[in-house]
């Protein structure tokens, strides 16, 4: 029974991983396709041979950089704290039960 349950858990875990990977790939494809459809002929140059027009805006670049840095610092601080809590929970001092205290006396 235990072996079949573990095998089923591994299969479920593999299915969830495949779903995650395919879901992200589909989202990327939809995002790229949506951009091309919304931009229409402008994206491919509308026959004039100009190609793609990438513009760079320094203020927008700085805003995105600041937002990314804030997000990264927030995630690192919280994930570090939660990792420490998890490690303390798994490897930290064990709580003594009443039976353990009676044996010590």
PDB file of N, CA and C in Angstrom:
ATOM      1  N   UNK A   1       0.811  -1.189   0.000  1.00  0.00           N
ATOM      2  CA  UNK A   1       0.000   0.000   0.000  1.00  0.00           C
ATOM      3  C   UNK A   1       0.860   1.261   0.000  1.00  0.00           C
ATOM      4  N   UNK A   2       1.903   1.268   0.823  1.00  0.00           N
ATOM      5  CA  UNK A   2       2.736   2.462   0.949  1.00  0.00           C
ATOM      6  C   UNK A   2       3.482   2.726  -0.350  1.00  0.00           C
ATOM      7  N   UNK A   3       3.988   1.658  -0.985  1.00  0.00           N
ATOM      8  CA  UNK A   3       4.715   1.840  -2.240  1.00  0.00           C
ATOM      9  C   UNK A   3       3.814   2.390  -3.331  1.00  0.00           C
ATOM     10  N   UNK A   4       2.567   1.909  -3.393  1.00  0.00           N
ATOM     11  CA  UNK A   4       1.653   2.402  -4.425  1.00  0.00           C
ATOM     12  C   UNK A   4       1.278   3.858  -4.164  1.00  0.00           C
ATOM     13  N   UNK A   5       1.158   4.243  -2.877  1.00  0.00           N
ATOM     14  CA  UNK A   5       0.858   5.635  -2.552  1.00  0.00           C
ATOM     15  C   UNK A   5       2.021   6.545  -2.934  1.00  0.00           C
ATOM     16  N   UNK A   6       3.251   6.097  -2.648  1.00  0.00           N
ATOM     17  CA  UNK A   6       4.423   6.903  -3.007  1.00  0.00           C
ATOM     18  C   UNK A   6       4.541   7.032  -4.518  1.00  0.00           C
ATOM     19  N   UNK A   7       4.270   5.938  -5.229  1.00  0.00           N
ATOM     20  CA  UNK A   7       4.333   5.974  -6.692  1.00  0.00           C
ATOM     21  C   UNK A   7       3.290   6.933  -7.234  1.00  0.00           C
ATOM     22  N   UNK A   8       2.098   6.905  -6.642  1.00  0.00           N
ATOM     23  CA  UNK A   8       1.035   7.796  -7.087  1.00  0.00           C
ATOM     24  C   UNK A   8       1.400   9.254  -6.799  1.00  0.00           C
ATOM     25  N   UNK A   9       2.030   9.516  -5.643  1.00  0.00           N
ATOM     26  CA  UNK A   9       2.457  10.879  -5.322  1.00  0.00           C
ATOM     27  C   UNK A   9       3.504  11.373  -6.309  1.00  0.00           C
ATOM     28  N   UNK A  10       4.453  10.498  -6.692  1.00  0.00           N
ATOM     29  CA  UNK A  10       5.478  10.882  -7.655  1.00  0.00           C
ATOM     30  C   UNK A  10       4.853  11.185  -9.013  1.00  0.00           C
ATOM     31  N   UNK A  11       3.882  10.366  -9.426  1.00  0.00           N
ATOM     32  CA  UNK A  11       3.218  10.603 -10.704  1.00  0.00           C
ATOM     33  C   UNK A  11       2.441  11.914 -10.675  1.00  0.00           C
ATOM     34  N   UNK A  12       1.763  12.171  -9.559  1.00  0.00           N
ATOM     35  CA  UNK A  12       1.018  13.421  -9.419  1.00  0.00           C
ATOM     36  C   UNK A  12       1.971  14.606  -9.436  1.00  0.00           C
ATOM     37  N   UNK A  13       3.104  14.472  -8.744  1.00  0.00           N
ATOM     38  CA  UNK A  13       4.103  15.542  -8.713  1.00  0.00           C
ATOM     39  C   UNK A  13       4.639  15.812 -10.123  1.00  0.00           C
ATOM     40  N   UNK A  14       4.899  14.767 -10.880  1.00  0.00           N
ATOM     41  CA  UNK A  14       5.396  14.929 -12.250  1.00  0.00           C
ATOM     42  C   UNK A  14       4.341  15.598 -13.125  1.00  0.00           C
ATOM     43  N   UNK A  15       3.081  15.222 -12.953  1.00  0.00           N
ATOM     44  CA  UNK A  15       2.016  15.859 -13.738  1.00  0.00           C
ATOM     45  C   UNK A  15       1.886  17.341 -13.410  1.00  0.00           C
ATOM     46  N   UNK A  16       2.006  17.669 -12.144  1.00  0.00           N
ATOM     47  CA  UNK A  16       1.924  19.076 -11.738  1.00  0.00           C
ATOM     48  C   UNK A  16       3.089  19.859 -12.329  1.00  0.00           C
ATOM     49  N   UNK A  17       4.287  19.279 -12.336  1.00  0.00           N
ATOM     50  CA  UNK A  17       5.447  19.962 -12.924  1.00  0.00           C
ATOM     51  C   UNK A  17       5.235  20.174 -14.416  1.00  0.00           C
ATOM     52  N   UNK A  18       4.765  19.157 -15.118  1.00  0.00           N
ATOM     53  CA  UNK A  18       4.511  19.307 -16.555  1.00  0.00           C
ATOM     54  C   UNK A  18       3.448  20.371 -16.815  1.00  0.00           C
ATOM     55  N   UNK A  19       2.404  20.384 -16.001  1.00  0.00           N
ATOM     56  CA  UNK A  19       1.373  21.404 -16.164  1.00  0.00           C
ATOM     57  C   UNK A  19       1.958  22.793 -15.970  1.00  0.00           C
ATOM     58  N   UNK A  20       2.784  22.973 -14.939  1.00  0.00           N
ATOM     59  CA  UNK A  20       3.403  24.276 -14.679  1.00  0.00           C
ATOM     60  C   UNK A  20       4.248  24.731 -15.866  1.00  0.00           C
ATOM     61  N   UNK A  21       5.070  23.830 -16.376  1.00  0.00           N
ATOM     62  CA  UNK A  21       5.947  24.180 -17.500  1.00  0.00           C
ATOM     63  C   UNK A  21       5.128  24.544 -18.729  1.00  0.00           C
ATOM     64  N   UNK A  22       4.152  23.722 -19.058  1.00  0.00           N
ATOM     65  CA  UNK A  22       3.330  23.997 -20.237  1.00  0.00           C
ATOM     66  C   UNK A  22       2.509  25.266 -20.064  1.00  0.00           C
ATOM     67  N   UNK A  23       2.024  25.511 -18.845  1.00  0.00           N
ATOM     68  CA  UNK A  23       1.236  26.715 -18.593  1.00  0.00           C
ATOM     69  C   UNK A  23       2.073  27.974 -18.820  1.00  0.00           C
ATOM     70  N   UNK A  24       3.297  27.971 -18.331  1.00  0.00           N
ATOM     71  CA  UNK A  24       4.173  29.127 -18.524  1.00  0.00           C
ATOM     72  C   UNK A  24       4.503  29.308 -20.008  1.00  0.00           C
ATOM     73  N   UNK A  25       4.755  28.205 -20.703  1.00  0.00           N
ATOM     74  CA  UNK A  25       5.062  28.303 -22.138  1.00  0.00           C
ATOM     75  C   UNK A  25       3.867  28.852 -22.914  1.00  0.00           C
ATOM     76  N   UNK A  26       2.663  28.413 -22.571  1.00  0.00           N
ATOM     77  CA  UNK A  26       1.464  28.913 -23.248  1.00  0.00           C
ATOM     78  C   UNK A  26       1.281  30.398 -22.949  1.00  0.00           C
ATOM     79  N   UNK A  27       1.515  30.807 -21.712  1.00  0.00           N
ATOM     80  CA  UNK A  27       1.402  32.232 -21.377  1.00  0.00           C
ATOM     81  C   UNK A  27       2.391  33.072 -22.175  1.00  0.00           C
ATOM     82  N   UNK A  28       3.619  32.591 -22.318  1.00  0.00           N
ATOM     83  CA  UNK A  28       4.613  33.314 -23.120  1.00  0.00           C
ATOM     84  C   UNK A  28       4.158  33.408 -24.574  1.00  0.00           C
ATOM     85  N   UNK A  29       3.673  32.302 -25.110  1.00  0.00           N
ATOM     86  CA  UNK A  29       3.212  32.303 -26.495  1.00  0.00           C
ATOM     87  C   UNK A  29       2.045  33.261 -26.683  1.00  0.00           C
ATOM     88  N   UNK A  30       1.076  33.231 -25.765  1.00  0.00           N
ATOM     89  CA  UNK A  30      -0.081  34.118 -25.872  1.00  0.00           C
ATOM     90  C   UNK A  30       0.349  35.575 -25.775  1.00  0.00           C
ATOM     91  N   UNK A  31       1.300  35.862 -24.886  1.00  0.00           N
ATOM     92  CA  UNK A  31       1.779  37.238 -24.747  1.00  0.00           C
ATOM     93  C   UNK A  31       2.443  37.723 -26.041  1.00  0.00           C
ATOM     94  N   UNK A  32       3.313  36.899 -26.602  1.00  0.00           N
ATOM     95  CA  UNK A  32       3.988  37.291 -27.846  1.00  0.00           C
ATOM     96  C   UNK A  32       3.016  37.391 -29.003  1.00  0.00           C
ATOM     97  N   UNK A  33       2.117  36.419 -29.133  1.00  0.00           N
ATOM     98  CA  UNK A  33       1.147  36.449 -30.218  1.00  0.00           C
ATOM     99  C   UNK A  33       0.202  37.635 -30.071  1.00  0.00           C
ATOM    100  N   UNK A  34      -0.226  37.893 -28.834  1.00  0.00           N
ATOM    101  CA  UNK A  34      -1.107  39.039 -28.603  1.00  0.00           C
ATOM    102  C   UNK A  34      -0.444  40.345 -28.980  1.00  0.00           C
ATOM    103  N   UNK A  35       0.825  40.489 -28.661  1.00  0.00           N
ATOM    104  CA  UNK A  35       1.556  41.700 -29.029  1.00  0.00           C
ATOM    105  C   UNK A  35       1.625  41.856 -30.540  1.00  0.00           C
ATOM    106  N   UNK A  36       1.926  40.754 -31.226  1.00  0.00           N
ATOM    107  CA  UNK A  36       2.013  40.834 -32.692  1.00  0.00           C
ATOM    108  C   UNK A  36       0.668  41.173 -33.314  1.00  0.00           C
ATOM    109  N   UNK A  37      -0.407  40.590 -32.789  1.00  0.00           N
ATOM    110  CA  UNK A  37      -1.727  40.860 -33.351  1.00  0.00           C
ATOM    111  C   UNK A  37      -2.184  42.282 -33.066  1.00  0.00           C
ATOM    112  N   UNK A  38      -1.869  42.791 -31.874  1.00  0.00           N
ATOM    113  CA  UNK A  38      -2.269  44.150 -31.532  1.00  0.00           C
ATOM    114  C   UNK A  38      -1.492  45.189 -32.336  1.00  0.00           C
ATOM    115  N   UNK A  39      -0.220  44.921 -32.569  1.00  0.00           N
ATOM    116  CA  UNK A  39       0.597  45.866 -33.314  1.00  0.00           C
ATOM    117  C   UNK A  39       0.356  45.765 -34.809  1.00  0.00           C
ATOM    118  N   UNK A  40      -0.080  44.609 -35.271  1.00  0.00           N
ATOM    119  CA  UNK A  40      -0.384  44.430 -36.686  1.00  0.00           C
ATOM    120  C   UNK A  40       0.835  44.578 -37.564  1.00  0.00           C
ATOM    121  N   UNK A  41       0.678  45.305 -38.651  1.00  0.00           N
ATOM    122  CA  UNK A  41       1.755  45.456 -39.620  1.00  0.00           C
ATOM    123  C   UNK A  41       2.881  46.352 -39.106  1.00  0.00           C
ATOM    124  N   UNK A  42       2.612  47.135 -38.088  1.00  0.00           N
ATOM    125  CA  UNK A  42       3.649  48.011 -37.546  1.00  0.00           C
ATOM    126  C   UNK A  42       4.812  47.168 -37.019  1.00  0.00           C
ATOM    127  N   UNK A  43       4.505  45.983 -36.484  1.00  0.00           N
ATOM    128  CA  UNK A  43       5.541  45.138 -35.913  1.00  0.00           C
ATOM    129  C   UNK A  43       6.486  44.608 -36.985  1.00  0.00           C
ATOM    130  N   UNK A  44       5.963  44.315 -38.166  1.00  0.00           N
ATOM    131  CA  UNK A  44       6.810  43.778 -39.226  1.00  0.00           C
ATOM    132  C   UNK A  44       7.230  44.841 -40.225  1.00  0.00           C
ATOM    133  N   UNK A  45       6.936  46.063 -39.987  1.00  0.00           N
ATOM    134  CA  UNK A  45       7.431  47.147 -40.820  1.00  0.00           C
ATOM    135  C   UNK A  45       6.460  47.638 -41.876  1.00  0.00           C
ATOM    136  N   UNK A  46       5.293  47.077 -41.975  1.00  0.00           N
ATOM    137  CA  UNK A  46       4.229  47.472 -42.902  1.00  0.00           C
ATOM    138  C   UNK A  46       4.713  47.601 -44.349  1.00  0.00           C
ATOM    139  N   UNK A  47       5.642  46.750 -44.729  1.00  0.00           N
ATOM    140  CA  UNK A  47       6.068  46.713 -46.119  1.00  0.00           C
ATOM    141  C   UNK A  47       7.055  47.787 -46.507  1.00  0.00           C
ATOM    142  N   UNK A  48       7.390  48.710 -45.624  1.00  0.00           N
ATOM    143  CA  UNK A  48       8.303  49.786 -45.984  1.00  0.00           C
ATOM    144  C   UNK A  48       9.759  49.409 -45.747  1.00  0.00           C
ATOM    145  N   UNK A  49       9.990  48.239 -45.136  1.00  0.00           N
ATOM    146  CA  UNK A  49      11.359  47.778 -44.915  1.00  0.00           C
ATOM    147  C   UNK A  49      12.042  48.409 -43.727  1.00  0.00           C
ATOM    148  N   UNK A  50      11.290  49.108 -42.882  1.00  0.00           N
ATOM    149  CA  UNK A  50      11.899  49.744 -41.723  1.00  0.00           C
ATOM    150  C   UNK A  50      12.147  48.755 -40.587  1.00  0.00           C
ATOM    151  N   UNK A  51      11.421  47.665 -40.547  1.00  0.00           N
ATOM    152  CA  UNK A  51      11.611  46.672 -39.493  1.00  0.00           C
ATOM    153  C   UNK A  51      11.048  47.139 -38.167  1.00  0.00           C
ATOM    154  N   UNK A  52      11.555  46.589 -37.101  1.00  0.00           N
ATOM    155  CA  UNK A  52      11.064  46.908 -35.768  1.00  0.00           C
ATOM    156  C   UNK A  52      11.649  48.223 -35.272  1.00  0.00           C
ATOM    157  N   UNK A  53      10.853  48.928 -34.514  1.00  0.00           N
ATOM    158  CA  UNK A  53      11.290  50.191 -33.947  1.00  0.00           C
ATOM    159  C   UNK A  53      11.287  50.069 -32.433  1.00  0.00           C
ATOM    160  N   UNK A  54      12.465  49.848 -31.869  1.00  0.00           N
ATOM    161  CA  UNK A  54      12.597  49.770 -30.421  1.00  0.00           C
ATOM    162  C   UNK A  54      13.024  51.133 -29.907  1.00  0.00           C
ATOM    163  N   UNK A  55      12.253  51.662 -28.977  1.00  0.00           N
ATOM    164  CA  UNK A  55      12.617  52.941 -28.389  1.00  0.00           C
ATOM    165  C   UNK A  55      13.004  52.722 -26.927  1.00  0.00           C
ATOM    166  N   UNK A  56      13.912  53.553 -26.438  1.00  0.00           N
ATOM    167  CA  UNK A  56      14.409  53.454 -25.077  1.00  0.00           C
ATOM    168  C   UNK A  56      14.067  54.740 -24.354  1.00  0.00           C
ATOM    169  N   UNK A  57      13.395  54.587 -23.219  1.00  0.00           N
ATOM    170  CA  UNK A  57      13.035  55.733 -22.407  1.00  0.00           C
ATOM    171  C   UNK A  57      13.742  55.600 -21.063  1.00  0.00           C
ATOM    172  N   UNK A  58      14.656  56.509 -20.793  1.00  0.00           N
ATOM    173  CA  UNK A  58      15.421  56.449 -19.555  1.00  0.00           C
ATOM    174  C   UNK A  58      14.531  56.546 -18.313  1.00  0.00           C
ATOM    175  N   UNK A  59      13.558  57.454 -18.266  1.00  0.00           N
ATOM    176  CA  UNK A  59      12.700  57.499 -17.061  1.00  0.00           C
ATOM    177  C   UNK A  59      11.943  56.186 -16.830  1.00  0.00           C
ATOM    178  N   UNK A  60      11.409  55.598 -17.887  1.00  0.00           N
ATOM    179  CA  UNK A  60      10.670  54.345 -17.733  1.00  0.00           C
ATOM    180  C   UNK A  60      11.615  53.214 -17.322  1.00  0.00           C
ATOM    181  N   UNK A  61      12.822  53.217 -17.876  1.00  0.00           N
ATOM    182  CA  UNK A  61      13.815  52.213 -17.508  1.00  0.00           C
ATOM    183  C   UNK A  61      14.164  52.320 -16.025  1.00  0.00           C
ATOM    184  N   UNK A  62      14.335  53.545 -15.521  1.00  0.00           N
ATOM    185  CA  UNK A  62      14.659  53.744 -14.108  1.00  0.00           C
ATOM    186  C   UNK A  62      13.495  53.330 -13.204  1.00  0.00           C
ATOM    187  N   UNK A  63      12.275  53.638 -13.617  1.00  0.00           N
ATOM    188  CA  UNK A  63      11.101  53.236 -12.839  1.00  0.00           C
ATOM    189  C   UNK A  63      11.022  51.718 -12.739  1.00  0.00           C
ATOM    190  N   UNK A  64      11.196  51.051 -13.865  1.00  0.00           N
ATOM    191  CA  UNK A  64      11.154  49.581 -13.864  1.00  0.00           C
ATOM    192  C   UNK A  64      12.293  49.023 -13.011  1.00  0.00           C
ATOM    193  N   UNK A  65      13.477  49.613 -13.099  1.00  0.00           N
ATOM    194  CA  UNK A  65      14.610  49.157 -12.297  1.00  0.00           C
ATOM    195  C   UNK A  65      14.368  49.318 -10.806  1.00  0.00           C
ATOM    196  N   UNK A  66      13.792  50.446 -10.406  1.00  0.00           N
ATOM    197  CA  UNK A  66      13.512  50.687  -8.987  1.00  0.00           C
ATOM    198  C   UNK A  66      12.440  49.710  -8.488  1.00  0.00           C
ATOM    199  N   UNK A  67      11.388  49.518  -9.273  1.00  0.00           N
ATOM    200  CA  UNK A  67      10.326  48.590  -8.878  1.00  0.00           C
ATOM    201  C   UNK A  67      10.890  47.173  -8.770  1.00  0.00           C
ATOM    202  N   UNK A  68      11.730  46.777  -9.715  1.00  0.00           N
ATOM    203  CA  UNK A  68      12.335  45.451  -9.667  1.00  0.00           C
ATOM    204  C   UNK A  68      13.229  45.299  -8.439  1.00  0.00           C
ATOM    205  N   UNK A  69      14.011  46.316  -8.124  1.00  0.00           N
ATOM    206  CA  UNK A  69      14.891  46.257  -6.954  1.00  0.00           C
ATOM    207  C   UNK A  69      14.077  46.165  -5.659  1.00  0.00           C
ATOM    208  N   UNK A  70      12.988  46.923  -5.565  1.00  0.00           N
ATOM    209  CA  UNK A  70      12.127  46.843  -4.384  1.00  0.00           C
ATOM    210  C   UNK A  70      11.502  45.452  -4.254  1.00  0.00           C
ATOM    211  N   UNK A  71      11.015  44.926  -5.346  1.00  0.00           N
ATOM    212  CA  UNK A  71      10.415  43.598  -5.332  1.00  0.00           C
ATOM    213  C   UNK A  71      11.448  42.546  -4.931  1.00  0.00           C
ATOM    214  N   UNK A  72      12.641  42.637  -5.495  1.00  0.00           N
ATOM    215  CA  UNK A  72      13.691  41.672  -5.199  1.00  0.00           C
ATOM    216  C   UNK A  72      14.101  41.735  -3.730  1.00  0.00           C
ATOM    217  N   UNK A  73      14.263  42.939  -3.201  1.00  0.00           N
ATOM    218  CA  UNK A  73      14.645  43.067  -1.793  1.00  0.00           C
ATOM    219  C   UNK A  73      13.541  42.552  -0.876  1.00  0.00           C
ATOM    220  N   UNK A  74      12.285  42.828  -1.214  1.00  0.00           N
ATOM    221  CA  UNK A  74      11.151  42.321  -0.426  1.00  0.00           C
ATOM    222  C   UNK A  74      11.133  40.797  -0.430  1.00  0.00           C
ATOM    223  N   UNK A  75      11.265  40.199  -1.612  1.00  0.00           N
ATOM    224  CA  UNK A  75      11.221  38.740  -1.723  1.00  0.00           C
ATOM    225  C   UNK A  75      12.397  38.087  -1.005  1.00  0.00           C
ATOM    226  N   UNK A  76      13.584  38.645  -1.127  1.00  0.00           N
ATOM    227  CA  UNK A  76      14.746  38.062  -0.470  1.00  0.00           C
ATOM    228  C   UNK A  76      14.634  38.130   1.049  1.00  0.00           C
ATOM    229  N   UNK A  77      14.157  39.260   1.560  1.00  0.00           N
ATOM    230  CA  UNK A  77      14.048  39.386   3.015  1.00  0.00           C
ATOM    231  C   UNK A  77      12.990  38.436   3.571  1.00  0.00           C
ATOM    232  N   UNK A  78      11.855  38.332   2.908  1.00  0.00           N
ATOM    233  CA  UNK A  78      10.800  37.455   3.403  1.00  0.00           C
ATOM    234  C   UNK A  78      11.147  35.988   3.201  1.00  0.00           C
ATOM    235  N   UNK A  79      11.743  35.652   2.084  1.00  0.00           N
ATOM    236  CA  UNK A  79      12.090  34.251   1.860  1.00  0.00           C
ATOM    237  C   UNK A  79      13.196  33.820   2.815  1.00  0.00           C
ATOM    238  N   UNK A  80      14.122  34.705   3.130  1.00  0.00           N
ATOM    239  CA  UNK A  80      15.192  34.379   4.072  1.00  0.00           C
ATOM    240  C   UNK A  80      14.606  34.125   5.458  1.00  0.00           C
ATOM    241  N   UNK A  81      13.691  34.971   5.881  1.00  0.00           N
ATOM    242  CA  UNK A  81      13.056  34.810   7.183  1.00  0.00           C
ATOM    243  C   UNK A  81      12.256  33.503   7.233  1.00  0.00           C
ATOM    244  N   UNK A  82      11.482  33.225   6.170  1.00  0.00           N
ATOM    245  CA  UNK A  82      10.682  32.006   6.155  1.00  0.00           C
ATOM    246  C   UNK A  82      11.563  30.762   6.072  1.00  0.00           C
ATOM    247  N   UNK A  83      12.688  30.852   5.361  1.00  0.00           N
ATOM    248  CA  UNK A  83      13.610  29.722   5.306  1.00  0.00           C
ATOM    249  C   UNK A  83      14.196  29.439   6.690  1.00  0.00           C
ATOM    250  N   UNK A  84      14.559  30.500   7.421  1.00  0.00           N
ATOM    251  CA  UNK A  84      15.085  30.317   8.768  1.00  0.00           C
ATOM    252  C   UNK A  84      14.038  29.684   9.679  1.00  0.00           C
ATOM    253  N   UNK A  85      12.778  30.114   9.552  1.00  0.00           N
ATOM    254  CA  UNK A  85      11.714  29.522  10.355  1.00  0.00           C
ATOM    255  C   UNK A  85      11.537  28.044  10.028  1.00  0.00           C
ATOM    256  N   UNK A  86      11.606  27.700   8.751  1.00  0.00           N
ATOM    257  CA  UNK A  86      11.438  26.318   8.346  1.00  0.00           C
ATOM    258  C   UNK A  86      12.597  25.456   8.846  1.00  0.00           C
ATOM    259  N   UNK A  87      13.821  25.961   8.747  1.00  0.00           N
ATOM    260  CA  UNK A  87      14.982  25.217   9.223  1.00  0.00           C
ATOM    261  C   UNK A  87      14.902  25.036  10.737  1.00  0.00           C
ATOM    262  N   UNK A  88      14.504  26.083  11.461  1.00  0.00           N
ATOM    263  CA  UNK A  88      14.344  25.960  12.908  1.00  0.00           C
ATOM    264  C   UNK A  88      13.267  24.941  13.258  1.00  0.00           C
ATOM    265  N   UNK A  89      12.207  24.930  12.471  1.00  0.00           N
ATOM    266  CA  UNK A  89      11.128  23.982  12.726  1.00  0.00           C
ATOM    267  C   UNK A  89      11.592  22.545  12.485  1.00  0.00           C
ATOM    268  N   UNK A  90      12.356  22.323  11.435  1.00  0.00           N
ATOM    269  CA  UNK A  90      12.779  20.966  11.093  1.00  0.00           C
ATOM    270  C   UNK A  90      13.977  20.526  11.932  1.00  0.00           C
ATOM    271  N   UNK A  91      14.980  21.384  12.064  1.00  0.00           N
ATOM    272  CA  UNK A  91      16.220  20.996  12.721  1.00  0.00           C
ATOM    273  C   UNK A  91      16.435  21.641  14.082  1.00  0.00           C
ATOM    274  N   UNK A  92      15.516  22.500  14.483  1.00  0.00           N
ATOM    275  CA  UNK A  92      15.697  23.214  15.745  1.00  0.00           C
ATOM    276  C   UNK A  92      15.486  22.323  16.950  1.00  0.00           C
ATOM    277  N   UNK A  93      15.447  22.954  18.098  1.00  0.00           N
ATOM    278  CA  UNK A  93      15.265  22.186  19.331  1.00  0.00           C
ATOM    279  C   UNK A  93      13.877  21.569  19.333  1.00  0.00           C
ATOM    280  N   UNK A  94      13.833  20.321  19.781  1.00  0.00           N
ATOM    281  CA  UNK A  94      12.570  19.613  19.834  1.00  0.00           C
ATOM    282  C   UNK A  94      11.819  20.003  21.095  1.00  0.00           C
ATOM    283  N   UNK A  95      10.525  20.058  20.981  1.00  0.00           N
ATOM    284  CA  UNK A  95       9.717  20.355  22.153  1.00  0.00           C
ATOM    285  C   UNK A  95       9.675  19.120  23.041  1.00  0.00           C
ATOM    286  N   UNK A  96       9.827  19.328  24.323  1.00  0.00           N
ATOM    287  CA  UNK A  96       9.791  18.207  25.256  1.00  0.00           C
ATOM    288  C   UNK A  96       8.345  17.901  25.609  1.00  0.00           C
ATOM    289  N   UNK A  97       8.045  16.636  25.609  1.00  0.00           N
ATOM    290  CA  UNK A  97       6.710  16.213  26.012  1.00  0.00           C
ATOM    291  C   UNK A  97       6.693  15.952  27.497  1.00  0.00           C
ATOM    292  N   UNK A  98       5.535  15.712  28.049  1.00  0.00           N
ATOM    293  CA  UNK A  98       5.386  15.442  29.479  1.00  0.00           C
ATOM    294  C   UNK A  98       6.114  14.157  29.832  1.00  0.00           C
ATOM    295  N   UNK A  99       6.045  13.160  28.940  1.00  0.00           N
ATOM    296  CA  UNK A  99       6.708  11.878  29.192  1.00  0.00           C
ATOM    297  C   UNK A  99       8.216  12.054  29.270  1.00  0.00           C
ATOM    298  N   UNK A 100       8.780  12.899  28.391  1.00  0.00           N
ATOM    299  CA  UNK A 100      10.228  13.150  28.420  1.00  0.00           C
ATOM    300  C   UNK A 100      10.640  13.796  29.727  1.00  0.00           C
ATOM    301  N   UNK A 101       9.815  14.712  30.238  1.00  0.00           N
ATOM    302  CA  UNK A 101      10.135  15.372  31.488  1.00  0.00           C
ATOM    303  C   UNK A 101      10.073  14.407  32.658  1.00  0.00           C
ATOM    304  N   UNK A 102       9.125  13.464  32.622  1.00  0.00           N
ATOM    305  CA  UNK A 102       9.006  12.477  33.696  1.00  0.00           C
ATOM    306  C   UNK A 102      10.233  11.551  33.698  1.00  0.00           C
ATOM    307  N   UNK A 103      10.713  11.200  32.517  1.00  0.00           N
ATOM    308  CA  UNK A 103      11.890  10.339  32.426  1.00  0.00           C
ATOM    309  C   UNK A 103      13.126  11.057  32.938  1.00  0.00           C
ATOM    310  N   UNK A 104      13.217  12.374  32.730  1.00  0.00           N
ATOM    311  CA  UNK A 104      14.371  13.132  33.182  1.00  0.00           C
ATOM    312  C   UNK A 104      14.422  13.221  34.697  1.00  0.00           C
ATOM    313  N   UNK A 105      13.257  13.163  35.344  1.00  0.00           N
ATOM    314  CA  UNK A 105      13.208  13.277  36.813  1.00  0.00           C
ATOM    315  C   UNK A 105      13.537  11.961  37.380  1.00  0.00           C
TER     316      UNK A 105
END
